[in-house]
Amino acid sequence: MPVAIITGASKGLGAALARALAERGWDLVLDARGPVPLAETAGLVSAHGTRVTALPGDVTDAGHRAELVAAAWRLGGVDLLVHNASALGAEPLVPLEELPLEGLRRALEVNLVAALGLVQEALPLLRAAPAGAVLVVSSDAAAEAYPAWGGYGASKAALDQLAAVLAVEEPGLRVWAVDPGDMATELYAAAVPDDDAPRPEPAGVVPAFLRLLDERPASGRYGAPALLEERR
């Protein structure tokens, strides 16, 4: 069975993607900082009969990243690495003049540095996989200038660039940066708590990610709404 590592997998998009892959028979290594919600998600996912290893921890910790890859190796390797873990830099979001530099550092460490660290750790197994792929969750804020989204957007823009360079350096892999679009997630609620406009649930976005796995288009940056629209 193919094996995926998914960070930030206790809720939201990470949990929805884990469930979808488990339904397809994937074995999974799941990460999140909160041990209780992670264990709950792992229990639901494992009900599909696949092997699931849940490892609570912080992706900025090199030791934790090594544990994630070692767990995947024990399951058979790494076919897919999904970097979904994200930090906003400030909750709620604030203009750049008010953004704590420590918050910006945290966003960069989680969204960018940890992503590269995990890729570096998993690269030998990804190269050995029959169809190795890296998928990083981007954001519209990486490409557009929205007030108060500067720190988070900068970290995601840097992540997009990292993914683009990785694709050039590792032509044997697929490397996709995916903007999932607006979703009803705790991350968005923490970012803009006064915005209660209705948004789609993360599960509705998952088919866009599955399409990438099914069709394996060229490495690059994709928008989930466009992928969903093209499939209709």
Protein backbone atom coordinates (compact mmCIF):
# COMPACT_ATOMS: atom_id res chain seq x y z
CA MET A 1 0.00 0.00 0.00
CA PRO A 2 1.23 3.56 -0.63
CA VAL A 3 2.25 5.60 2.40
CA ALA A 4 1.62 9.29 3.07
CA ILE A 5 2.89 11.65 5.75
CA ILE A 6 0.39 14.44 6.51
CA THR A 7 1.24 17.27 8.88
CA GLY A 8 -1.45 19.27 10.61
CA ALA A 9 -3.72 16.24 10.31
CA SER A 10 -5.87 16.42 13.43
CA LYS A 11 -8.58 18.63 11.92
CA GLY A 12 -9.59 20.67 8.90
CA LEU A 13 -8.06 19.94 5.52
CA GLY A 14 -5.40 17.59 6.92
CA ALA A 15 -7.98 15.36 8.59
CA ALA A 16 -10.25 15.40 5.54
CA LEU A 17 -7.39 14.41 3.24
CA ALA A 18 -6.33 11.66 5.64
CA ARG A 19 -9.83 10.18 5.58
CA ALA A 20 -9.97 10.31 1.79
CA LEU A 21 -6.61 8.58 1.38
CA ALA A 22 -7.53 5.92 3.96
CA GLU A 23 -10.68 5.18 1.97
CA ARG A 24 -8.37 4.52 -0.99
CA GLY A 25 -6.22 2.13 1.04
CA TRP A 26 -3.29 4.39 1.87
CA ASP A 27 -1.29 3.82 5.03
CA LEU A 28 -0.71 7.04 6.92
CA VAL A 29 1.60 8.84 9.31
CA LEU A 30 -0.28 11.74 10.86
CA ASP A 31 1.14 14.71 12.74
CA ALA A 32 -0.38 17.51 14.83
CA ARG A 33 0.52 19.39 17.97
CA GLY A 34 -2.59 18.39 19.94
CA PRO A 35 -2.42 14.75 21.02
CA VAL A 36 -6.12 14.37 21.88
CA PRO A 37 -7.65 15.59 18.59
CA LEU A 38 -4.93 13.77 16.68
CA ALA A 39 -5.75 10.51 18.42
CA GLU A 40 -9.46 11.03 17.70
CA THR A 41 -8.78 11.62 14.02
CA ALA A 42 -6.44 8.63 13.82
CA GLY A 43 -9.15 6.43 15.31
CA LEU A 44 -11.69 7.55 12.72
CA VAL A 45 -9.22 7.15 9.87
CA SER A 46 -8.03 3.70 10.93
CA ALA A 47 -11.63 2.46 10.79
CA HIS A 48 -11.10 2.15 7.03
CA GLY A 49 -8.71 -0.74 7.72
CA THR A 50 -5.45 0.95 6.85
CA ARG A 51 -2.43 1.29 9.10
CA VAL A 52 -2.27 4.67 10.82
CA THR A 53 0.55 6.02 12.97
CA ALA A 54 -0.28 9.20 14.89
CA LEU A 55 2.66 11.16 16.26
CA PRO A 56 1.87 14.36 18.18
CA GLY A 57 4.60 16.97 18.06
CA ASP A 58 5.82 20.20 16.55
CA VAL A 59 7.07 20.11 12.96
CA THR A 60 9.69 22.73 13.82
CA ASP A 61 11.40 20.05 15.96
CA ALA A 62 13.99 18.17 13.91
CA GLY A 63 13.65 15.13 16.15
CA HIS A 64 9.91 15.00 15.55
CA ARG A 65 10.39 15.24 11.79
CA ALA A 66 12.82 12.33 11.95
CA GLU A 67 10.24 10.32 13.89
CA LEU A 68 7.62 10.97 11.22
CA VAL A 69 9.87 9.71 8.44
CA ALA A 70 11.03 6.71 10.49
CA ALA A 71 7.40 5.77 11.11
CA ALA A 72 6.68 5.98 7.39
CA TRP A 73 9.73 3.83 6.64
CA ARG A 74 8.35 1.17 8.98
CA LEU A 75 5.11 1.22 6.99
CA GLY A 76 7.00 0.78 3.73
CA GLY A 77 8.36 4.16 2.64
CA VAL A 78 7.08 7.60 1.64
CA ASP A 79 5.01 7.94 -1.52
CA LEU A 80 3.45 11.29 -0.61
CA LEU A 81 4.51 14.06 1.74
CA VAL A 82 1.82 16.64 2.55
CA HIS A 83 2.93 19.76 4.41
CA ASN A 84 -0.36 21.15 5.71
CA ALA A 85 0.74 22.46 9.12
CA SER A 86 0.50 26.25 9.26
CA ALA A 87 1.00 29.16 11.65
CA LEU A 88 -0.55 32.60 11.16
CA GLY A 89 2.05 34.72 12.92
CA ALA A 90 -0.64 36.54 14.91
CA GLU A 91 -4.14 35.57 16.04
CA PRO A 92 -6.15 37.46 14.98
CA LEU A 93 -4.18 38.83 12.06
CA VAL A 94 -2.81 42.36 12.36
CA PRO A 95 -1.26 44.92 9.98
CA LEU A 96 2.47 44.67 9.38
CA GLU A 97 3.19 47.64 11.64
CA GLU A 98 1.75 45.62 14.54
CA LEU A 99 3.00 42.16 13.57
CA PRO A 100 5.24 40.76 16.33
CA LEU A 101 8.57 39.75 14.84
CA GLU A 102 8.48 36.62 16.94
CA GLY A 103 5.15 35.79 15.33
CA LEU A 104 6.64 36.25 11.88
CA ARG A 105 9.54 33.99 12.84
CA ARG A 106 7.07 31.36 14.03
CA ALA A 107 5.12 31.52 10.75
CA LEU A 108 8.33 31.14 8.75
CA GLU A 109 9.55 28.26 10.94
CA VAL A 110 6.29 26.30 10.65
CA ASN A 111 5.22 27.16 7.12
CA LEU A 112 8.60 27.20 5.41
CA VAL A 113 11.61 25.95 7.38
CA ALA A 114 9.82 22.88 8.75
CA ALA A 115 8.57 22.03 5.26
CA LEU A 116 12.10 21.98 3.89
CA GLY A 117 13.36 20.06 6.90
CA LEU A 118 10.75 17.37 6.41
CA VAL A 119 11.46 17.16 2.68
CA GLN A 120 15.18 16.78 3.38
CA GLU A 121 14.45 14.01 5.88
CA ALA A 122 12.09 12.16 3.54
CA LEU A 123 13.88 12.72 0.24
CA PRO A 124 15.67 9.34 0.03
CA LEU A 125 12.36 7.51 0.53
CA LEU A 126 10.50 9.81 -1.87
CA ARG A 127 13.12 9.18 -4.57
CA ALA A 128 12.81 5.43 -4.04
CA ALA A 129 9.00 5.49 -4.34
CA PRO A 130 7.45 4.44 -7.66
CA ALA A 131 5.61 7.77 -7.88
CA GLY A 132 6.95 10.05 -5.16
CA ALA A 133 5.17 13.36 -4.61
CA VAL A 134 5.41 16.39 -2.36
CA LEU A 135 2.32 18.52 -1.80
CA VAL A 136 2.52 21.80 0.09
CA VAL A 137 -0.61 23.73 1.05
CA SER A 138 -0.32 27.29 -0.20
CA SER A 139 -2.72 30.21 0.05
CA ASP A 140 -4.24 32.97 -2.05
CA ALA A 141 -2.38 35.30 0.34
CA ALA A 142 0.87 34.04 -1.20
CA ALA A 143 0.00 35.71 -4.50
CA GLU A 144 -2.31 38.59 -3.56
CA ALA A 145 -1.80 41.55 -1.19
CA TYR A 146 -4.47 41.44 1.49
CA PRO A 147 -4.32 43.79 4.48
CA ALA A 148 -3.19 42.00 7.67
CA TRP A 149 -2.17 38.86 5.76
CA GLY A 150 1.39 40.06 5.11
CA GLY A 151 3.35 37.81 7.44
CA TYR A 152 1.38 34.66 6.67
CA GLY A 153 1.31 35.48 2.96
CA ALA A 154 5.05 36.06 2.86
CA SER A 155 5.70 32.67 4.44
CA LYS A 156 3.41 30.94 1.94
CA ALA A 157 4.95 32.81 -1.01
CA ALA A 158 8.35 31.59 0.11
CA LEU A 159 6.92 28.08 0.40
CA ASP A 160 5.67 28.29 -3.19
CA GLN A 161 9.14 29.27 -4.35
CA LEU A 162 10.73 26.47 -2.36
CA ALA A 163 8.37 23.98 -3.99
CA ALA A 164 9.13 25.38 -7.46
CA VAL A 165 12.88 25.03 -6.95
CA LEU A 166 12.49 21.54 -5.49
CA ALA A 167 10.58 20.52 -8.63
CA VAL A 168 13.49 21.65 -10.79
CA GLU A 169 16.08 19.94 -8.61
CA GLU A 170 14.08 16.70 -8.29
CA PRO A 171 12.58 16.03 -11.74
CA GLY A 172 11.75 12.46 -10.74
CA LEU A 173 9.20 13.71 -8.21
CA ARG A 174 5.96 15.59 -8.54
CA VAL A 175 5.98 18.75 -6.41
CA TRP A 176 2.68 20.62 -6.14
CA ALA A 177 1.83 23.79 -4.27
CA VAL A 178 -1.94 23.97 -3.91
CA ASP A 179 -4.07 26.93 -2.90
CA PRO A 180 -7.18 25.29 -1.42
CA GLY A 181 -9.26 28.47 -1.54
CA ASP A 182 -11.59 29.67 1.20
CA MET A 183 -12.55 27.02 3.73
CA ALA A 184 -14.35 26.86 7.04
CA THR A 185 -11.39 26.03 9.27
CA GLU A 186 -10.24 26.90 12.77
CA LEU A 187 -7.19 28.57 11.22
CA TYR A 188 -9.35 31.02 9.29
CA ALA A 189 -11.57 31.62 12.31
CA ALA A 190 -8.49 32.44 14.37
CA ALA A 191 -7.18 34.73 11.63
CA VAL A 192 -10.37 36.74 11.14
CA PRO A 193 -12.73 35.97 14.04
CA ASP A 194 -15.23 38.68 13.02
CA ASP A 195 -15.79 37.15 9.58
CA ASP A 196 -18.64 34.68 9.90
CA ALA A 197 -19.52 34.45 6.21
CA PRO A 198 -20.30 30.89 5.08
CA ARG A 199 -17.40 28.95 3.58
CA PRO A 200 -17.09 25.42 2.15
CA GLU A 201 -16.02 22.61 4.42
CA PRO A 202 -12.49 21.23 3.83
CA ALA A 203 -13.89 17.88 2.69
CA GLY A 204 -15.32 19.63 -0.35
CA VAL A 205 -11.83 20.64 -1.46
CA VAL A 206 -10.25 17.20 -1.11
CA PRO A 207 -11.30 15.97 -4.60
CA ALA A 208 -8.95 18.58 -6.07
CA PHE A 209 -6.04 17.02 -4.22
CA LEU A 210 -7.10 13.53 -5.24
CA ARG A 211 -7.21 14.67 -8.85
CA LEU A 212 -3.54 15.61 -8.65
CA LEU A 213 -2.70 12.16 -7.32
CA ASP A 214 -4.81 10.46 -10.00
CA GLU A 215 -3.63 12.47 -12.99
CA ARG A 216 -0.13 13.45 -11.81
CA PRO A 217 0.11 16.68 -13.81
CA ALA A 218 3.39 18.53 -14.06
CA SER A 219 4.89 19.99 -10.91
CA GLY A 220 3.68 23.51 -10.24
CA ARG A 221 1.21 25.71 -8.40
CA TYR A 222 -2.48 24.83 -8.63
CA GLY A 223 -5.71 26.29 -7.31
CA ALA A 224 -8.18 23.80 -5.88
CA PRO A 225 -11.25 25.73 -7.14
CA ALA A 226 -9.93 25.57 -10.71
CA LEU A 227 -9.17 21.85 -10.41
CA LEU A 228 -12.67 21.21 -9.15
CA GLU A 229 -14.25 23.32 -11.87
CA GLU A 230 -12.33 21.55 -14.65
CA ARG A 231 -13.50 18.16 -13.40
CA ARG A 232 -17.21 19.07 -13.69
